[in-house]
């Protein structure tokens, strides 16, 4: 199982929200590059970089943070937040992202998102399935849509997508454990998907359970920043 630490950016700083609430923000570090280098030094190979300003503004805002990390580490970076146009997408790839995660765009502009899959391929485009009560949440979780998670996944997997990041918004940043029942239902229904679990990881045991479930990867954020998980403990998954 791939361990994928998250760096969420607001005003160029490394932060975490609780349950997607911008009013429940904790700042952890003014220097995201330093955090990324710390991850790399611990043997981490992948990074989930989220432009929370961009998600709210509906355009990429923190491109310089991405560029700084990509130019100064060897981390494989997936970038999400505010990618709403092909111009944004190309700028993100040019700045060094290996993959982009699209959530809101996949709901709001299906033709464009499908075009990206066709042009760049299922290896480069990750479907961001952020869930509130089994329905997809969009724009930094500020809005809920009518799309059910299973219909959403089925639709895009048929178009050639391979990777899905599924975040239960009610769990994210809460340190209350992961949505294992939801993930198991997804794996049972779509065994071909490379599922990346996100939200709620609070300790190493949560990660061990996800590994036993055979999810492709797990995103870890607040548990690292709050020292509930030491980077050295993650070596068992490498």
C-alpha atoms as a PDB file:
ATOM      1  CA  UNK A   1       0.000   0.000   0.000  1.00  0.00           C
ATOM      2  CA  UNK A   2       1.303   3.446  -0.919  1.00  0.00           C
ATOM      3  CA  UNK A   3       1.486   5.965   1.914  1.00  0.00           C
ATOM      4  CA  UNK A   4       0.722   9.420   0.508  1.00  0.00           C
ATOM      5  CA  UNK A   5       1.154  12.325   2.909  1.00  0.00           C
ATOM      6  CA  UNK A   6      -1.009  15.380   2.239  1.00  0.00           C
ATOM      7  CA  UNK A   7       0.078  18.978   2.146  1.00  0.00           C
ATOM      8  CA  UNK A   8      -2.903  21.338   2.028  1.00  0.00           C
ATOM      9  CA  UNK A   9      -2.112  24.936   1.115  1.00  0.00           C
ATOM     10  CA  UNK A  10      -3.781  28.188   2.136  1.00  0.00           C
ATOM     11  CA  UNK A  11      -1.899  31.475   1.630  1.00  0.00           C
ATOM     12  CA  UNK A  12       1.221  29.476   0.737  1.00  0.00           C
ATOM     13  CA  UNK A  13       1.227  27.763   4.149  1.00  0.00           C
ATOM     14  CA  UNK A  14       0.769  24.140   5.163  1.00  0.00           C
ATOM     15  CA  UNK A  15      -2.604  23.795   6.920  1.00  0.00           C
ATOM     16  CA  UNK A  16      -5.294  21.251   7.754  1.00  0.00           C
ATOM     17  CA  UNK A  17      -9.034  21.748   7.892  1.00  0.00           C
ATOM     18  CA  UNK A  18     -11.427  19.783  10.077  1.00  0.00           C
ATOM     19  CA  UNK A  19     -14.266  18.152   8.115  1.00  0.00           C
ATOM     20  CA  UNK A  20     -13.666  20.490   5.205  1.00  0.00           C
ATOM     21  CA  UNK A  21     -14.522  23.592   7.222  1.00  0.00           C
ATOM     22  CA  UNK A  22     -12.384  26.602   6.251  1.00  0.00           C
ATOM     23  CA  UNK A  23     -13.290  28.131   9.621  1.00  0.00           C
ATOM     24  CA  UNK A  24     -11.658  25.167  11.395  1.00  0.00           C
ATOM     25  CA  UNK A  25      -8.158  25.692  10.057  1.00  0.00           C
ATOM     26  CA  UNK A  26      -4.898  24.805  11.779  1.00  0.00           C
ATOM     27  CA  UNK A  27      -1.613  26.142  10.406  1.00  0.00           C
ATOM     28  CA  UNK A  28       1.303  23.737  10.775  1.00  0.00           C
ATOM     29  CA  UNK A  29       4.176  25.169   8.781  1.00  0.00           C
ATOM     30  CA  UNK A  30       4.939  28.330   6.814  1.00  0.00           C
ATOM     31  CA  UNK A  31       7.242  26.390   4.476  1.00  0.00           C
ATOM     32  CA  UNK A  32       5.579  23.529   2.533  1.00  0.00           C
ATOM     33  CA  UNK A  33       8.869  22.675   0.818  1.00  0.00           C
ATOM     34  CA  UNK A  34      10.489  21.956   4.178  1.00  0.00           C
ATOM     35  CA  UNK A  35       7.612  19.609   5.010  1.00  0.00           C
ATOM     36  CA  UNK A  36       7.923  17.851   1.651  1.00  0.00           C
ATOM     37  CA  UNK A  37      11.672  17.407   2.134  1.00  0.00           C
ATOM     38  CA  UNK A  38      11.041  15.899   5.558  1.00  0.00           C
ATOM     39  CA  UNK A  39       8.676  13.376   3.984  1.00  0.00           C
ATOM     40  CA  UNK A  40      11.205  12.512   1.295  1.00  0.00           C
ATOM     41  CA  UNK A  41      13.990  12.084   3.849  1.00  0.00           C
ATOM     42  CA  UNK A  42      11.813   9.529   5.658  1.00  0.00           C
ATOM     43  CA  UNK A  43      11.549   7.422   2.505  1.00  0.00           C
ATOM     44  CA  UNK A  44       8.175   8.683   1.318  1.00  0.00           C
ATOM     45  CA  UNK A  45       7.858   8.655  -2.472  1.00  0.00           C
ATOM     46  CA  UNK A  46       4.478  10.238  -3.137  1.00  0.00           C
ATOM     47  CA  UNK A  47       2.742  13.483  -2.161  1.00  0.00           C
ATOM     48  CA  UNK A  48      -0.867  14.683  -2.322  1.00  0.00           C
ATOM     49  CA  UNK A  49      -0.715  18.471  -2.740  1.00  0.00           C
ATOM     50  CA  UNK A  50      -4.003  20.358  -2.396  1.00  0.00           C
ATOM     51  CA  UNK A  51      -4.521  24.006  -3.295  1.00  0.00           C
ATOM     52  CA  UNK A  52      -7.352  24.882  -0.898  1.00  0.00           C
ATOM     53  CA  UNK A  53      -7.294  28.508  -2.033  1.00  0.00           C
ATOM     54  CA  UNK A  54      -7.715  27.222  -5.569  1.00  0.00           C
ATOM     55  CA  UNK A  55     -10.576  24.914  -4.648  1.00  0.00           C
ATOM     56  CA  UNK A  56     -12.442  27.860  -3.189  1.00  0.00           C
ATOM     57  CA  UNK A  57     -11.520  30.321  -5.967  1.00  0.00           C
ATOM     58  CA  UNK A  58     -12.214  27.746  -8.732  1.00  0.00           C
ATOM     59  CA  UNK A  59      -8.822  28.422 -10.275  1.00  0.00           C
ATOM     60  CA  UNK A  60      -5.267  27.371  -9.412  1.00  0.00           C
ATOM     61  CA  UNK A  61      -3.730  29.784  -6.896  1.00  0.00           C
ATOM     62  CA  UNK A  62      -0.680  28.163  -5.308  1.00  0.00           C
ATOM     63  CA  UNK A  63       1.232  27.126  -8.424  1.00  0.00           C
ATOM     64  CA  UNK A  64       4.532  28.401  -7.028  1.00  0.00           C
ATOM     65  CA  UNK A  65       4.309  25.998  -4.090  1.00  0.00           C
ATOM     66  CA  UNK A  66       3.922  23.096  -6.512  1.00  0.00           C
ATOM     67  CA  UNK A  67       6.852  24.320  -8.592  1.00  0.00           C
ATOM     68  CA  UNK A  68       9.069  24.714  -5.535  1.00  0.00           C
ATOM     69  CA  UNK A  69       8.393  21.173  -4.314  1.00  0.00           C
ATOM     70  CA  UNK A  70       8.708  19.553  -7.734  1.00  0.00           C
ATOM     71  CA  UNK A  71      12.011  21.305  -8.459  1.00  0.00           C
ATOM     72  CA  UNK A  72      13.573  20.512  -5.082  1.00  0.00           C
ATOM     73  CA  UNK A  73      12.396  16.952  -4.368  1.00  0.00           C
ATOM     74  CA  UNK A  74      11.934  13.708  -6.295  1.00  0.00           C
ATOM     75  CA  UNK A  75       8.443  13.122  -4.908  1.00  0.00           C
ATOM     76  CA  UNK A  76       5.710  11.885  -7.233  1.00  0.00           C
ATOM     77  CA  UNK A  77       3.122  14.641  -6.839  1.00  0.00           C
ATOM     78  CA  UNK A  78      -0.585  14.548  -7.463  1.00  0.00           C
ATOM     79  CA  UNK A  79      -2.115  18.015  -7.400  1.00  0.00           C
ATOM     80  CA  UNK A  80      -5.696  19.016  -6.778  1.00  0.00           C
ATOM     81  CA  UNK A  81      -7.678  22.143  -6.093  1.00  0.00           C
ATOM     82  CA  UNK A  82      -8.928  24.697  -8.580  1.00  0.00           C
ATOM     83  CA  UNK A  83      -8.024  22.900 -11.804  1.00  0.00           C
ATOM     84  CA  UNK A  84     -11.021  24.033 -13.837  1.00  0.00           C
ATOM     85  CA  UNK A  85      -9.620  24.605 -17.331  1.00  0.00           C
ATOM     86  CA  UNK A  86      -7.210  22.964 -19.757  1.00  0.00           C
ATOM     87  CA  UNK A  87      -4.978  26.001 -19.307  1.00  0.00           C
ATOM     88  CA  UNK A  88      -4.862  25.322 -15.554  1.00  0.00           C
ATOM     89  CA  UNK A  89      -4.210  21.634 -16.195  1.00  0.00           C
ATOM     90  CA  UNK A  90      -1.264  22.269 -18.489  1.00  0.00           C
ATOM     91  CA  UNK A  91       0.159  24.860 -16.100  1.00  0.00           C
ATOM     92  CA  UNK A  92       0.022  22.325 -13.269  1.00  0.00           C
ATOM     93  CA  UNK A  93       1.787  19.667 -15.347  1.00  0.00           C
ATOM     94  CA  UNK A  94       4.357  22.234 -16.511  1.00  0.00           C
ATOM     95  CA  UNK A  95       4.990  23.138 -12.868  1.00  0.00           C
ATOM     96  CA  UNK A  96       5.951  19.534 -12.158  1.00  0.00           C
ATOM     97  CA  UNK A  97       2.843  17.612 -11.102  1.00  0.00           C
ATOM     98  CA  UNK A  98       2.848  13.967 -12.180  1.00  0.00           C
ATOM     99  CA  UNK A  99      -0.923  13.616 -11.834  1.00  0.00           C
ATOM    100  CA  UNK A 100      -3.870  15.888 -11.215  1.00  0.00           C
ATOM    101  CA  UNK A 101      -6.922  15.124  -9.133  1.00  0.00           C
ATOM    102  CA  UNK A 102     -10.226  16.404 -10.485  1.00  0.00           C
ATOM    103  CA  UNK A 103     -13.378  16.391  -8.406  1.00  0.00           C
ATOM    104  CA  UNK A 104     -15.559  19.447  -8.936  1.00  0.00           C
ATOM    105  CA  UNK A 105     -14.702  19.594 -12.634  1.00  0.00           C
ATOM    106  CA  UNK A 106     -15.796  15.965 -13.081  1.00  0.00           C
ATOM    107  CA  UNK A 107     -19.242  16.939 -11.783  1.00  0.00           C
ATOM    108  CA  UNK A 108     -19.615  20.404 -13.263  1.00  0.00           C
ATOM    109  CA  UNK A 109     -18.004  19.924 -16.664  1.00  0.00           C
ATOM    110  CA  UNK A 110     -18.114  16.273 -17.658  1.00  0.00           C
ATOM    111  CA  UNK A 111     -17.213  16.882 -21.345  1.00  0.00           C
ATOM    112  CA  UNK A 112     -14.015  18.723 -20.412  1.00  0.00           C
ATOM    113  CA  UNK A 113     -12.976  16.176 -17.775  1.00  0.00           C
ATOM    114  CA  UNK A 114     -13.617  13.365 -20.257  1.00  0.00           C
ATOM    115  CA  UNK A 115     -11.492  15.233 -22.794  1.00  0.00           C
ATOM    116  CA  UNK A 116      -8.636  15.331 -20.288  1.00  0.00           C
ATOM    117  CA  UNK A 117      -8.866  11.575 -19.738  1.00  0.00           C
ATOM    118  CA  UNK A 118      -8.741  10.971 -23.475  1.00  0.00           C
ATOM    119  CA  UNK A 119      -5.856  13.380 -24.060  1.00  0.00           C
ATOM    120  CA  UNK A 120      -3.657  12.678 -21.037  1.00  0.00           C
ATOM    121  CA  UNK A 121      -4.724   9.134 -20.124  1.00  0.00           C
ATOM    122  CA  UNK A 122      -6.033   7.344 -17.063  1.00  0.00           C
ATOM    123  CA  UNK A 123      -2.560   7.246 -15.508  1.00  0.00           C
ATOM    124  CA  UNK A 124      -2.333  11.045 -15.290  1.00  0.00           C
ATOM    125  CA  UNK A 125      -5.876  11.971 -14.245  1.00  0.00           C
ATOM    126  CA  UNK A 126      -7.186  10.928 -10.814  1.00  0.00           C
ATOM    127  CA  UNK A 127     -10.882  11.099  -9.992  1.00  0.00           C
ATOM    128  CA  UNK A 128     -11.474  12.934  -6.732  1.00  0.00           C
ATOM    129  CA  UNK A 129     -14.579  11.447  -5.140  1.00  0.00           C
ATOM    130  CA  UNK A 130     -15.252  13.560  -2.057  1.00  0.00           C
ATOM    131  CA  UNK A 131     -18.290  12.189  -0.282  1.00  0.00           C
ATOM    132  CA  UNK A 132     -20.904  13.610   2.051  1.00  0.00           C
ATOM    133  CA  UNK A 133     -23.468  10.958   2.949  1.00  0.00           C
ATOM    134  CA  UNK A 134     -22.633   8.934  -0.214  1.00  0.00           C
ATOM    135  CA  UNK A 135     -23.128  11.973  -2.458  1.00  0.00           C
ATOM    136  CA  UNK A 136     -20.298  13.856  -4.140  1.00  0.00           C
ATOM    137  CA  UNK A 137     -19.173  17.154  -2.573  1.00  0.00           C
ATOM    138  CA  UNK A 138     -17.492  19.813  -4.711  1.00  0.00           C
ATOM    139  CA  UNK A 139     -15.575  23.126  -4.626  1.00  0.00           C
ATOM    140  CA  UNK A 140     -13.525  22.437  -1.535  1.00  0.00           C
ATOM    141  CA  UNK A 141     -16.515  20.616  -0.026  1.00  0.00           C
ATOM    142  CA  UNK A 142     -18.499  23.835   0.100  1.00  0.00           C
ATOM    143  CA  UNK A 143     -21.275  22.345  -2.063  1.00  0.00           C
ATOM    144  CA  UNK A 144     -23.024  18.976  -2.285  1.00  0.00           C
ATOM    145  CA  UNK A 145     -24.149  17.516  -5.591  1.00  0.00           C
ATOM    146  CA  UNK A 146     -26.855  15.015  -6.508  1.00  0.00           C
ATOM    147  CA  UNK A 147     -24.323  12.486  -7.829  1.00  0.00           C
ATOM    148  CA  UNK A 148     -24.206   9.213  -5.882  1.00  0.00           C
ATOM    149  CA  UNK A 149     -20.710   7.855  -5.280  1.00  0.00           C
ATOM    150  CA  UNK A 150     -21.295   4.506  -7.045  1.00  0.00           C
ATOM    151  CA  UNK A 151     -22.879   6.049 -10.138  1.00  0.00           C
ATOM    152  CA  UNK A 152     -20.075   8.594 -10.258  1.00  0.00           C
ATOM    153  CA  UNK A 153     -17.350   5.944 -10.095  1.00  0.00           C
ATOM    154  CA  UNK A 154     -18.994   3.629 -12.598  1.00  0.00           C
ATOM    155  CA  UNK A 155     -19.418   6.450 -15.091  1.00  0.00           C
ATOM    156  CA  UNK A 156     -15.763   7.461 -15.105  1.00  0.00           C
ATOM    157  CA  UNK A 157     -14.183   4.037 -14.755  1.00  0.00           C
ATOM    158  CA  UNK A 158     -15.895   3.152 -18.014  1.00  0.00           C
ATOM    159  CA  UNK A 159     -14.055   6.084 -19.594  1.00  0.00           C
ATOM    160  CA  UNK A 160     -10.652   4.676 -18.699  1.00  0.00           C
ATOM    161  CA  UNK A 161      -9.847   6.167 -15.311  1.00  0.00           C
ATOM    162  CA  UNK A 162      -7.787   3.939 -13.028  1.00  0.00           C
ATOM    163  CA  UNK A 163      -7.197   5.935  -9.863  1.00  0.00           C
ATOM    164  CA  UNK A 164      -9.775   7.250  -7.403  1.00  0.00           C
ATOM    165  CA  UNK A 165      -9.160   9.255  -4.246  1.00  0.00           C
ATOM    166  CA  UNK A 166     -12.223   8.803  -2.043  1.00  0.00           C
ATOM    167  CA  UNK A 167     -12.559  11.159   0.901  1.00  0.00           C
ATOM    168  CA  UNK A 168     -15.359  10.989   3.444  1.00  0.00           C
ATOM    169  CA  UNK A 169     -15.655  14.672   4.322  1.00  0.00           C
ATOM    170  CA  UNK A 170     -17.197  13.869   7.706  1.00  0.00           C
ATOM    171  CA  UNK A 171     -13.981  12.041   8.628  1.00  0.00           C
ATOM    172  CA  UNK A 172     -11.343  14.303   7.151  1.00  0.00           C
ATOM    173  CA  UNK A 173      -9.130  15.977   9.715  1.00  0.00           C
ATOM    174  CA  UNK A 174     -11.234  14.580  12.557  1.00  0.00           C
ATOM    175  CA  UNK A 175      -8.813  11.805  13.586  1.00  0.00           C
ATOM    176  CA  UNK A 176     -11.798   9.510  14.150  1.00  0.00           C
ATOM    177  CA  UNK A 177     -10.845   6.575  11.938  1.00  0.00           C
ATOM    178  CA  UNK A 178     -11.414   5.817   8.273  1.00  0.00           C
ATOM    179  CA  UNK A 179     -14.578   4.958   6.320  1.00  0.00           C
ATOM    180  CA  UNK A 180     -13.738   1.295   5.923  1.00  0.00           C
ATOM    181  CA  UNK A 181     -17.286   0.187   5.196  1.00  0.00           C
ATOM    182  CA  UNK A 182     -17.545   2.652   2.319  1.00  0.00           C
ATOM    183  CA  UNK A 183     -14.154   1.623   0.939  1.00  0.00           C
ATOM    184  CA  UNK A 184     -15.036  -2.065   1.153  1.00  0.00           C
ATOM    185  CA  UNK A 185     -18.265  -1.463  -0.757  1.00  0.00           C
ATOM    186  CA  UNK A 186     -16.299   0.363  -3.459  1.00  0.00           C
ATOM    187  CA  UNK A 187     -13.716  -2.430  -3.722  1.00  0.00           C
ATOM    188  CA  UNK A 188     -16.412  -5.104  -3.850  1.00  0.00           C
ATOM    189  CA  UNK A 189     -18.271  -3.319  -6.607  1.00  0.00           C
ATOM    190  CA  UNK A 190     -15.249  -2.072  -8.572  1.00  0.00           C
ATOM    191  CA  UNK A 191     -12.406  -4.560  -7.971  1.00  0.00           C
ATOM    192  CA  UNK A 192     -10.401  -3.079 -10.844  1.00  0.00           C
ATOM    193  CA  UNK A 193     -10.097   0.376  -9.278  1.00  0.00           C
ATOM    194  CA  UNK A 194      -6.867   1.678  -7.730  1.00  0.00           C
ATOM    195  CA  UNK A 195      -8.545   3.092  -4.631  1.00  0.00           C
ATOM    196  CA  UNK A 196      -6.773   5.698  -2.529  1.00  0.00           C
ATOM    197  CA  UNK A 197      -8.406   6.108   0.875  1.00  0.00           C
ATOM    198  CA  UNK A 198      -8.458   9.593   2.348  1.00  0.00           C
ATOM    199  CA  UNK A 199      -9.792  11.085   5.563  1.00  0.00           C
ATOM    200  CA  UNK A 200      -9.803  10.019   9.185  1.00  0.00           C
ATOM    201  CA  UNK A 201      -6.470   8.227   9.550  1.00  0.00           C
ATOM    202  CA  UNK A 202      -5.602   8.618  13.228  1.00  0.00           C
ATOM    203  CA  UNK A 203      -2.933   5.996  13.936  1.00  0.00           C
ATOM    204  CA  UNK A 204      -0.881   3.170  12.458  1.00  0.00           C
ATOM    205  CA  UNK A 205      -3.670   0.645  13.130  1.00  0.00           C
ATOM    206  CA  UNK A 206      -5.973   2.526  10.734  1.00  0.00           C
ATOM    207  CA  UNK A 207      -3.325   2.148   8.033  1.00  0.00           C
ATOM    208  CA  UNK A 208      -2.785  -1.533   8.775  1.00  0.00           C
ATOM    209  CA  UNK A 209      -6.516  -2.166   8.355  1.00  0.00           C
ATOM    210  CA  UNK A 210      -6.540  -0.339   5.023  1.00  0.00           C
ATOM    211  CA  UNK A 211      -3.556  -2.381   3.877  1.00  0.00           C
ATOM    212  CA  UNK A 212      -5.388  -5.592   4.804  1.00  0.00           C
ATOM    213  CA  UNK A 213      -8.331  -4.365   2.721  1.00  0.00           C
ATOM    214  CA  UNK A 214      -5.902  -4.050  -0.206  1.00  0.00           C
ATOM    215  CA  UNK A 215      -6.543  -0.432  -1.015  1.00  0.00           C
ATOM    216  CA  UNK A 216      -3.957   0.951  -3.439  1.00  0.00           C
ATOM    217  CA  UNK A 217      -2.942   3.867  -1.240  1.00  0.00           C
ATOM    218  CA  UNK A 218      -3.786   5.882   1.852  1.00  0.00           C
ATOM    219  CA  UNK A 219      -3.528   9.639   2.274  1.00  0.00           C
ATOM    220  CA  UNK A 220      -2.309  10.736   5.692  1.00  0.00           C
ATOM    221  CA  UNK A 221      -2.387  14.322   6.901  1.00  0.00           C
ATOM    222  CA  UNK A 222      -3.337  15.507  10.339  1.00  0.00           C
ATOM    223  CA  UNK A 223      -2.169  12.334  12.106  1.00  0.00           C
ATOM    224  CA  UNK A 224       1.379  13.124  10.977  1.00  0.00           C
ATOM    225  CA  UNK A 225       1.183  16.808  11.845  1.00  0.00           C
ATOM    226  CA  UNK A 226      -0.300  16.067  15.274  1.00  0.00           C
ATOM    227  CA  UNK A 227       2.467  13.475  15.912  1.00  0.00           C
ATOM    228  CA  UNK A 228       0.035  10.589  16.225  1.00  0.00           C
ATOM    229  CA  UNK A 229       2.017   8.857  13.512  1.00  0.00           C
ATOM    230  CA  UNK A 230       5.790   9.142  13.319  1.00  0.00           C
ATOM    231  CA  UNK A 231       7.319   9.151   9.856  1.00  0.00           C
ATOM    232  CA  UNK A 232       9.624   6.325  10.942  1.00  0.00           C
ATOM    233  CA  UNK A 233       6.554   4.155  11.643  1.00  0.00           C
ATOM    234  CA  UNK A 234       5.561   4.376   7.993  1.00  0.00           C
ATOM    235  CA  UNK A 235       8.570   2.381   6.816  1.00  0.00           C
ATOM    236  CA  UNK A 236       6.638  -0.864   7.388  1.00  0.00           C
ATOM    237  CA  UNK A 237       4.449  -0.008   4.385  1.00  0.00           C
ATOM    238  CA  UNK A 238       7.356   0.667   2.006  1.00  0.00           C
END
